[in-house]
Every structure is written in structure tokens, then in C-alpha cells.
Amino acid sequence: MKKLYFLLCLLIPLIGNSQSVENVSKDAFAHTFSIVARDTVTGEMAVGVQSHWFSVGSLVSWGKAGVGVVATQSFVNPAYGPEGLEMMANGTSAEQALTQLIEKDGGRAFRQVAFLDANGNVSGYTGEKCVEAAEDLQGRNFSVQANMMLNDRVVPAMAEAFLRYSDYPLAERVVEVLKAAQEVGGDIRGKQSAALVVVGPERTENEWEEKKIDLRVDDHQNPIQELSRLLQVNRAYEHMNKGDLAVEDGDMEKALKEYGAAEKMFPENLEMKYWKAVALANSGRLEEAKPIFQKVFAEDENWKEMTTRLPASGILTVSEEELQEIIE
């Protein structure tokens, strides 16, 4: 907080009107690099961000399924997130929405913002008082932006990476963009936090369905590396969730396939091993399942106790005799 106050004291003499001082002095400090992007095949939209500031994802990244995504940074005005999304939801294009919000913002000289709407329209803005190196660059279905960077190679490197990894799923593609920014210098202060949000192409009435991916690394020595790891975990648990749904539907072959895919990604994960064993047992392949159960029980006996509770819920569909074979 002392650092922020000191920086604001330095900035105040440079600001032309008192309204800007009042506005900016109340705002969060999040100098960073980010990307907003859309996948032309799936229609998914994403925001990726990294900064040497705690919990950058709590203010910078915003998204709404079927509407768009927003990155608001530098001296952050969080209102650009919800207000921008509401405007785009009501049919205003990304460019028009951003222009209108900038025009009424007394602290716009210190803002850096990017909007992307569901039609792939993008718009970026970098205020004249953003700390060097500061720039934004737009391309087809994406905008990359950065401020307080070590050098002016960061933004071009991000744009190049987005084009280079065009065959990647959107979330992985965005992570590669963040990696590229860091590799050429990144934030002049270093690294601390990162975030990734992905929303779908269709609007939803259920709030819990808004974000397909919502990952945050609030404080870490290598936040982009950790974000990449979490994304892989997320992908594995997508398979786990599909496996659970297959179990509910009584489709044990599909469940086995999904649990097996998850286990391949994280072979030491007990959860993934265990549910693969359950799917095998439910498919009548008890002899294949038993050694997997035993490996899991050897690591943590609580899994054995849980196994005794599953038949009552219908999740494990074995006879009492077969259950005893499993837990012996």
C-alpha cells in the first residue's frame, strides 16, 4: 500500500484535472499483460493475464457466455468489466462499448482495456499515462495488451504466439501467449499471479454454467507455469466429470473410457485410479479392478471405508460377495 501511495504522489503533478486524480487514486493497481481472444471454430472466448501483483485475476478478467470477454488493467477501473459485458449483451459492439465507457472515464489516461464480443469484434485502448512499455495490438478475433513491461517486444511476441498456436484449443493457446510474453521480458517487476477464464459461445440462464474454465494463481514464483499445470488438471477432471455422468446413465464402458483418459494424464492420482476401478467392477471386470483397488487402499485406507458405502447409493453395483473380495 505504501508503494501505491508513493507512485500516486509521483503521478499527481502530471495529471491535468482534479477529477482524474480523484478517480485514479481510488483504483486498484494492476500493471500487467493480457489477451482477450475467440476461437473461430468453437466460438469460445477467453481472457488470460499475468502480473507482478497479487491476485490479478480478481479484477482484470471478466467474461460472460455468449456475450464477450473484457480485460481491464493498469490503474484498474473494475466497472469496465460488468458494464462492458452488459452493453455487449444488449447488442453494442465491442468497439462502441469500449469507446462509450472511455469517454465518460475521468481517469482514462491511466487505463488499459480490451473488449471482445461474441461476434469476434475486438477493441483495445491504452491511455497516454500508462507506464512504459505500454501498447495494445488487435488482430482477427484477438487483442493483446501490456503495460509496465521490460521492453517493447512483449506485445508483438504475444500476437505472434496467438497466430502460431492456431491449432491448439483456445485455453492452451492463451497460455502459450502468456508464456511468449514472459519469455521476451514480461512485467519489468517480475512475476506473481495469473488467471485464465474461458466462456462458451451460447448464453446461459444458469450462473454456474457461465465459465467453462476459471483458473487463478494468486501468488506463485512461476504463475504461468502453475496456470499451465492447473489447466492440465482441469482437462483431466473434465474427463472425470464425463465419467461420473456416464455412471449416472449406467454407461460403464463410456465411464471406463473417460476415467482411463483422466488417469493417463495423472497416473499417480488416487482419485482417478479409484474411479477407473469402480467402472471396471461395474462392467463385470472385477479381476482387473481388484489390484487397482488394492493399490489405492495401500496408499490411503479411507478409500476402503468409502467403498463399503457406495453400493447403497448405486454407484458401485457389485454383490455383497464381490464387495468382500474388493475390500479384503
Protein backbone atom coordinates (compact mmCIF):
# COMPACT_ATOMS: atom_id res chain seq x y z
CA MET A 1 0.00 0.00 0.00
CA LYS A 2 2.91 2.39 0.75
CA LYS A 3 4.32 1.65 -2.72
CA LEU A 4 0.99 2.50 -4.33
CA TYR A 5 0.71 5.75 -2.35
CA PHE A 6 4.24 6.75 -3.33
CA LEU A 7 3.55 6.10 -7.01
CA LEU A 8 0.35 8.10 -6.86
CA CYS A 9 2.20 11.02 -5.30
CA LEU A 10 4.60 10.97 -8.23
CA LEU A 11 1.75 10.83 -10.72
CA ILE A 12 -0.45 13.57 -9.29
CA PRO A 13 1.61 16.52 -10.64
CA LEU A 14 1.32 15.01 -14.13
CA ILE A 15 -2.46 14.89 -14.15
CA GLY A 16 -4.32 17.75 -15.71
CA ASN A 17 -7.66 17.71 -13.90
CA SER A 18 -8.67 17.03 -10.34
CA GLN A 19 -11.41 14.59 -11.34
CA SER A 20 -8.77 12.23 -12.77
CA VAL A 21 -6.75 12.37 -9.55
CA GLU A 22 -9.82 11.54 -7.52
CA ASN A 23 -10.81 8.67 -9.78
CA VAL A 24 -7.38 7.09 -10.18
CA SER A 25 -6.39 7.34 -6.51
CA LYS A 26 -9.31 5.05 -5.63
CA ASP A 27 -8.46 2.39 -8.19
CA ALA A 28 -6.56 -0.88 -7.87
CA PHE A 29 -3.02 -1.13 -9.17
CA ALA A 30 -2.67 -3.95 -11.75
CA HIS A 31 0.03 -3.36 -14.34
CA THR A 32 0.13 -6.49 -16.43
CA PHE A 33 -0.03 -8.22 -19.80
CA SER A 34 -3.18 -9.91 -21.07
CA ILE A 35 -5.07 -11.30 -24.03
CA VAL A 36 -8.74 -11.47 -24.96
CA ALA A 37 -9.47 -13.96 -27.74
CA ARG A 38 -12.10 -16.02 -29.54
CA ASP A 39 -11.90 -19.46 -31.14
CA THR A 40 -13.46 -19.24 -34.61
CA VAL A 41 -14.28 -22.97 -34.62
CA THR A 42 -15.90 -23.44 -31.19
CA GLY A 43 -16.96 -19.85 -30.55
CA GLU A 44 -15.37 -19.98 -27.08
CA MET A 45 -13.93 -16.72 -25.72
CA ALA A 46 -11.08 -16.31 -23.25
CA VAL A 47 -9.11 -13.89 -21.12
CA GLY A 48 -5.57 -14.69 -19.99
CA VAL A 49 -3.47 -12.45 -17.75
CA GLN A 50 -0.23 -12.37 -15.74
CA SER A 51 1.21 -9.70 -13.45
CA HIS A 52 3.65 -8.96 -10.66
CA TRP A 53 0.71 -8.12 -8.42
CA PHE A 54 -1.30 -10.24 -6.02
CA SER A 55 -4.46 -11.92 -7.35
CA VAL A 56 -4.54 -10.21 -10.74
CA GLY A 57 -7.46 -12.36 -11.86
CA SER A 58 -9.80 -10.93 -9.22
CA LEU A 59 -10.11 -7.60 -11.06
CA VAL A 60 -8.65 -7.81 -14.56
CA SER A 61 -10.50 -10.71 -16.24
CA TRP A 62 -14.25 -10.72 -16.99
CA GLY A 63 -16.38 -12.92 -19.20
CA LYS A 64 -19.96 -13.89 -19.96
CA ALA A 65 -21.05 -16.83 -22.09
CA GLY A 66 -22.48 -15.85 -25.45
CA VAL A 67 -21.61 -12.19 -24.84
CA GLY A 68 -17.90 -11.47 -24.63
CA VAL A 69 -14.80 -11.00 -22.52
CA VAL A 70 -13.03 -8.00 -21.01
CA ALA A 71 -9.55 -7.27 -19.67
CA THR A 72 -9.27 -4.07 -17.60
CA GLN A 73 -5.83 -3.20 -16.25
CA SER A 74 -3.13 -0.60 -15.44
CA PHE A 75 -4.94 1.54 -12.82
CA VAL A 76 -7.95 -0.75 -12.88
CA ASN A 77 -11.47 0.55 -13.23
CA PRO A 78 -13.39 -2.68 -12.48
CA ALA A 79 -16.62 -1.17 -13.82
CA TYR A 80 -15.39 -1.79 -17.37
CA GLY A 81 -16.00 -5.50 -16.73
CA PRO A 82 -19.68 -5.71 -15.74
CA GLU A 83 -20.71 -2.55 -17.58
CA GLY A 84 -18.94 -3.58 -20.78
CA LEU A 85 -20.46 -7.04 -20.70
CA GLU A 86 -23.94 -5.62 -20.10
CA MET A 87 -23.57 -3.27 -23.07
CA MET A 88 -22.37 -6.07 -25.34
CA ALA A 89 -25.19 -8.30 -24.10
CA ASN A 90 -27.61 -5.59 -25.23
CA GLY A 91 -26.17 -5.55 -28.74
CA THR A 92 -23.47 -2.88 -28.52
CA SER A 93 -20.30 -3.90 -30.37
CA ALA A 94 -17.00 -4.26 -28.53
CA GLU A 95 -15.64 -1.08 -30.13
CA GLN A 96 -18.72 1.02 -29.39
CA ALA A 97 -18.97 -0.23 -25.81
CA LEU A 98 -15.33 0.47 -25.03
CA THR A 99 -15.44 3.91 -26.67
CA GLN A 100 -18.50 4.94 -24.68
CA LEU A 101 -17.02 3.83 -21.37
CA ILE A 102 -13.69 5.52 -22.04
CA GLU A 103 -15.37 8.80 -22.93
CA LYS A 104 -17.06 9.03 -19.53
CA ASP A 105 -14.00 7.90 -17.52
CA GLY A 106 -12.12 10.80 -15.94
CA GLY A 107 -9.15 8.53 -15.31
CA ARG A 108 -8.94 7.20 -18.87
CA ALA A 109 -5.35 8.40 -19.35
CA PHE A 110 -4.29 5.69 -16.89
CA ARG A 111 -6.48 2.86 -18.20
CA GLN A 112 -5.65 -0.05 -20.42
CA VAL A 113 -8.66 -2.06 -21.56
CA ALA A 114 -9.63 -4.63 -24.19
CA PHE A 115 -13.10 -5.83 -25.21
CA LEU A 116 -14.08 -8.78 -27.40
CA ASP A 117 -17.68 -9.64 -28.26
CA ALA A 118 -19.31 -12.90 -29.34
CA ASN A 119 -19.09 -11.91 -33.00
CA GLY A 120 -15.30 -11.66 -32.79
CA ASN A 121 -15.19 -7.86 -32.80
CA VAL A 122 -12.29 -6.55 -30.75
CA SER A 123 -11.23 -3.18 -29.40
CA GLY A 124 -8.29 -2.07 -27.28
CA TYR A 125 -7.28 1.13 -25.54
CA THR A 126 -4.04 2.25 -23.89
CA GLY A 127 -4.13 5.58 -22.03
CA GLU A 128 -1.31 8.04 -22.56
CA LYS A 129 -0.26 7.83 -18.90
CA CYS A 130 0.18 4.05 -18.83
CA VAL A 131 3.71 3.18 -17.74
CA GLU A 132 6.22 2.29 -20.49
CA ALA A 133 6.45 -0.15 -22.18
CA ALA A 134 2.72 0.03 -22.89
CA GLU A 135 0.89 -0.99 -26.05
CA ASP A 136 -2.16 -2.81 -27.38
CA LEU A 137 -2.48 -4.69 -30.65
CA GLN A 138 -5.56 -6.17 -32.32
CA GLY A 139 -5.92 -8.95 -34.87
CA ARG A 140 -8.70 -11.18 -36.13
CA ASN A 141 -10.59 -12.37 -33.04
CA PHE A 142 -7.98 -11.24 -30.52
CA SER A 143 -6.41 -8.30 -28.73
CA VAL A 144 -3.15 -8.34 -26.75
CA GLN A 145 -2.13 -5.55 -24.39
CA ALA A 146 0.54 -4.81 -21.82
CA ASN A 147 1.89 -2.02 -19.67
CA MET A 148 4.91 -1.62 -17.39
CA MET A 149 6.77 -4.20 -19.46
CA LEU A 150 10.52 -4.72 -19.52
CA ASN A 151 10.65 -3.88 -23.24
CA ASP A 152 8.50 -3.21 -26.31
CA ARG A 153 8.83 -6.76 -27.63
CA VAL A 154 6.20 -8.21 -25.32
CA VAL A 155 3.01 -7.29 -27.21
CA PRO A 156 4.32 -8.29 -30.67
CA ALA A 157 5.51 -11.62 -29.20
CA MET A 158 2.04 -12.25 -27.81
CA ALA A 159 0.36 -11.58 -31.15
CA GLU A 160 2.83 -13.82 -32.96
CA ALA A 161 2.25 -16.66 -30.47
CA PHE A 162 -1.52 -16.44 -30.83
CA LEU A 163 -1.18 -16.92 -34.59
CA ARG A 164 1.49 -19.62 -34.28
CA TYR A 165 -0.56 -21.86 -31.98
CA SER A 166 -3.76 -21.66 -34.04
CA ASP A 167 -4.26 -25.45 -33.90
CA TYR A 168 -4.36 -25.50 -30.05
CA PRO A 169 -7.59 -25.45 -28.03
CA LEU A 170 -8.30 -21.85 -27.01
CA ALA A 171 -7.30 -22.20 -23.35
CA GLU A 172 -3.95 -23.82 -24.18
CA ARG A 173 -3.42 -21.27 -26.94
CA VAL A 174 -3.89 -18.40 -24.48
CA VAL A 175 -1.40 -19.95 -22.05
CA GLU A 176 1.17 -20.13 -24.86
CA VAL A 177 0.60 -16.43 -25.49
CA LEU A 178 1.34 -15.67 -21.83
CA LYS A 179 4.47 -17.83 -21.98
CA ALA A 180 5.66 -15.94 -25.05
CA ALA A 181 5.22 -12.61 -23.26
CA GLN A 182 7.25 -13.80 -20.31
CA GLU A 183 10.00 -15.26 -22.48
CA VAL A 184 10.80 -11.89 -24.07
CA GLY A 185 10.80 -9.99 -20.79
CA GLY A 186 7.30 -9.69 -19.39
CA ASP A 187 6.47 -7.41 -16.47
CA ILE A 188 9.52 -5.30 -15.56
CA ARG A 189 8.90 -6.11 -11.87
CA GLY A 190 8.77 -9.88 -12.30
CA LYS A 191 6.04 -12.48 -11.75
CA GLN A 192 3.41 -13.15 -9.10
CA SER A 193 -0.10 -14.05 -10.29
CA ALA A 194 -2.01 -15.22 -13.35
CA ALA A 195 -5.54 -16.13 -14.40
CA LEU A 196 -7.47 -17.79 -17.22
CA VAL A 197 -11.19 -17.54 -17.95
CA VAL A 198 -12.97 -19.29 -20.82
CA VAL A 199 -16.67 -18.83 -21.61
CA GLY A 200 -18.85 -20.57 -24.17
CA PRO A 201 -20.47 -19.23 -27.34
CA GLU A 202 -24.07 -19.59 -26.15
CA ARG A 203 -25.80 -17.62 -23.43
CA THR A 204 -26.94 -19.46 -20.35
CA GLU A 205 -29.52 -18.71 -17.68
CA ASN A 206 -27.58 -20.66 -15.05
CA GLU A 207 -24.80 -18.69 -13.38
CA TRP A 208 -22.84 -21.85 -12.61
CA GLU A 209 -22.60 -22.62 -16.33
CA GLU A 210 -21.14 -19.24 -17.29
CA LYS A 211 -17.47 -20.23 -17.24
CA LYS A 212 -16.08 -23.35 -18.86
CA ILE A 213 -12.69 -22.69 -17.29
CA ASP A 214 -11.98 -20.36 -14.37
CA LEU A 215 -8.44 -20.70 -13.03
CA ARG A 216 -6.46 -18.35 -10.81
CA VAL A 217 -2.94 -18.40 -9.44
CA ASP A 218 -2.97 -15.64 -6.85
CA ASP A 219 0.61 -15.83 -5.54
CA HIS A 220 3.34 -18.00 -7.04
CA GLN A 221 7.00 -17.80 -8.08
CA ASN A 222 6.12 -19.10 -11.55
CA PRO A 223 2.45 -18.24 -12.06
CA ILE A 224 2.21 -19.06 -15.77
CA GLN A 225 3.83 -22.45 -15.24
CA GLU A 226 1.40 -23.11 -12.40
CA LEU A 227 -1.52 -21.91 -14.53
CA SER A 228 -0.46 -24.35 -17.25
CA ARG A 229 -0.37 -27.19 -14.70
CA LEU A 230 -3.81 -26.29 -13.37
CA LEU A 231 -5.18 -26.25 -16.89
CA GLN A 232 -3.94 -29.79 -17.40
CA VAL A 233 -5.57 -30.82 -14.11
CA ASN A 234 -8.75 -29.13 -15.26
CA ARG A 235 -8.69 -31.10 -18.52
CA ALA A 236 -8.22 -34.35 -16.58
CA TYR A 237 -11.18 -33.58 -14.35
CA GLU A 238 -13.29 -32.79 -17.39
CA HIS A 239 -12.82 -36.48 -18.23
CA MET A 240 -13.64 -37.38 -14.63
CA ASN A 241 -16.88 -35.37 -14.78
CA LYS A 242 -17.86 -37.08 -18.03
CA GLY A 243 -17.13 -40.40 -16.38
CA ASP A 244 -19.40 -39.52 -13.45
CA LEU A 245 -22.21 -38.60 -15.84
CA ALA A 246 -21.74 -41.90 -17.67
CA VAL A 247 -22.02 -43.76 -14.35
CA GLU A 248 -25.28 -41.94 -13.63
CA ASP A 249 -26.54 -43.04 -17.05
CA GLY A 250 -25.41 -46.62 -16.48
CA ASP A 251 -22.94 -46.46 -19.37
CA MET A 252 -19.97 -48.16 -17.75
CA GLU A 253 -17.99 -48.51 -20.96
CA LYS A 254 -18.03 -44.79 -21.50
CA ALA A 255 -17.25 -44.20 -17.83
CA LEU A 256 -14.28 -46.51 -18.09
CA LYS A 257 -13.04 -44.68 -21.17
CA GLU A 258 -13.30 -41.25 -19.52
CA TYR A 259 -11.76 -42.31 -16.21
CA GLY A 260 -8.96 -44.03 -18.10
CA ALA A 261 -8.25 -40.86 -20.09
CA ALA A 262 -8.00 -38.87 -16.87
CA GLU A 263 -5.70 -41.44 -15.27
CA LYS A 264 -3.33 -41.30 -18.25
CA MET A 265 -2.91 -37.58 -17.65
CA PHE A 266 -2.20 -38.02 -13.92
CA PRO A 267 -1.22 -41.67 -13.31
CA GLU A 268 -0.35 -41.10 -9.64
CA ASN A 269 -3.68 -39.50 -8.75
CA LEU A 270 -5.60 -41.84 -6.39
CA GLU A 271 -8.98 -40.35 -7.27
CA MET A 272 -8.56 -41.16 -10.93
CA LYS A 273 -7.26 -44.67 -10.25
CA TYR A 274 -10.12 -45.37 -7.88
CA TRP A 275 -12.98 -44.41 -10.17
CA LYS A 276 -11.43 -46.35 -13.01
CA ALA A 277 -11.52 -49.39 -10.71
CA VAL A 278 -15.16 -48.71 -9.87
CA ALA A 279 -16.02 -48.53 -13.57
CA LEU A 280 -14.20 -51.82 -14.19
CA ALA A 281 -16.05 -53.53 -11.33
CA ASN A 282 -19.38 -52.20 -12.58
CA SER A 283 -18.57 -53.53 -16.05
CA GLY A 284 -18.11 -57.07 -14.72
CA ARG A 285 -14.31 -56.86 -14.91
CA LEU A 286 -13.75 -57.44 -11.20
CA GLU A 287 -10.42 -59.25 -11.60
CA GLU A 288 -8.97 -56.21 -13.38
CA ALA A 289 -10.43 -53.88 -10.79
CA LYS A 290 -9.21 -55.63 -7.63
CA PRO A 291 -5.46 -54.88 -7.96
CA ILE A 292 -6.22 -51.23 -8.66
CA PHE A 293 -8.42 -51.05 -5.56
CA GLN A 294 -5.66 -52.66 -3.51
CA LYS A 295 -3.08 -50.12 -4.70
CA VAL A 296 -5.38 -47.28 -3.72
CA PHE A 297 -6.19 -48.82 -0.32
CA ALA A 298 -2.49 -49.30 0.38
CA GLU A 299 -1.96 -45.56 -0.09
CA ASP A 300 -4.97 -44.48 1.98
CA GLU A 301 -7.31 -46.84 3.87
CA ASN A 302 -10.12 -44.28 3.87
CA TRP A 303 -10.84 -45.33 0.28
CA LYS A 304 -11.60 -48.84 1.55
CA GLU A 305 -14.16 -47.48 4.01
CA MET A 306 -15.73 -45.35 1.29
CA THR A 307 -16.01 -48.41 -0.96
CA THR A 308 -18.26 -50.10 1.59
CA ARG A 309 -20.62 -47.11 1.40
CA LEU A 310 -21.00 -46.95 -2.38
CA PRO A 311 -23.35 -49.90 -3.05
CA ALA A 312 -26.16 -48.28 -1.04
CA SER A 313 -26.08 -45.29 -3.40
CA GLY A 314 -25.93 -47.44 -6.53
CA ILE A 315 -22.54 -46.04 -7.56
CA LEU A 316 -20.84 -49.43 -7.08
CA THR A 317 -23.08 -52.17 -8.49
CA VAL A 318 -21.49 -55.34 -7.14
CA SER A 319 -22.84 -58.12 -4.96
CA GLU A 320 -22.06 -58.39 -1.26
CA GLU A 321 -19.76 -61.28 -2.07
CA GLU A 322 -17.89 -59.25 -4.70
CA LEU A 323 -17.64 -56.30 -2.33
CA GLN A 324 -15.89 -58.51 0.21
CA GLU A 325 -13.44 -59.61 -2.48
CA ILE A 326 -12.63 -55.96 -3.16
CA ILE A 327 -12.04 -54.87 0.42
CA GLU A 328 -10.27 -57.99 1.73
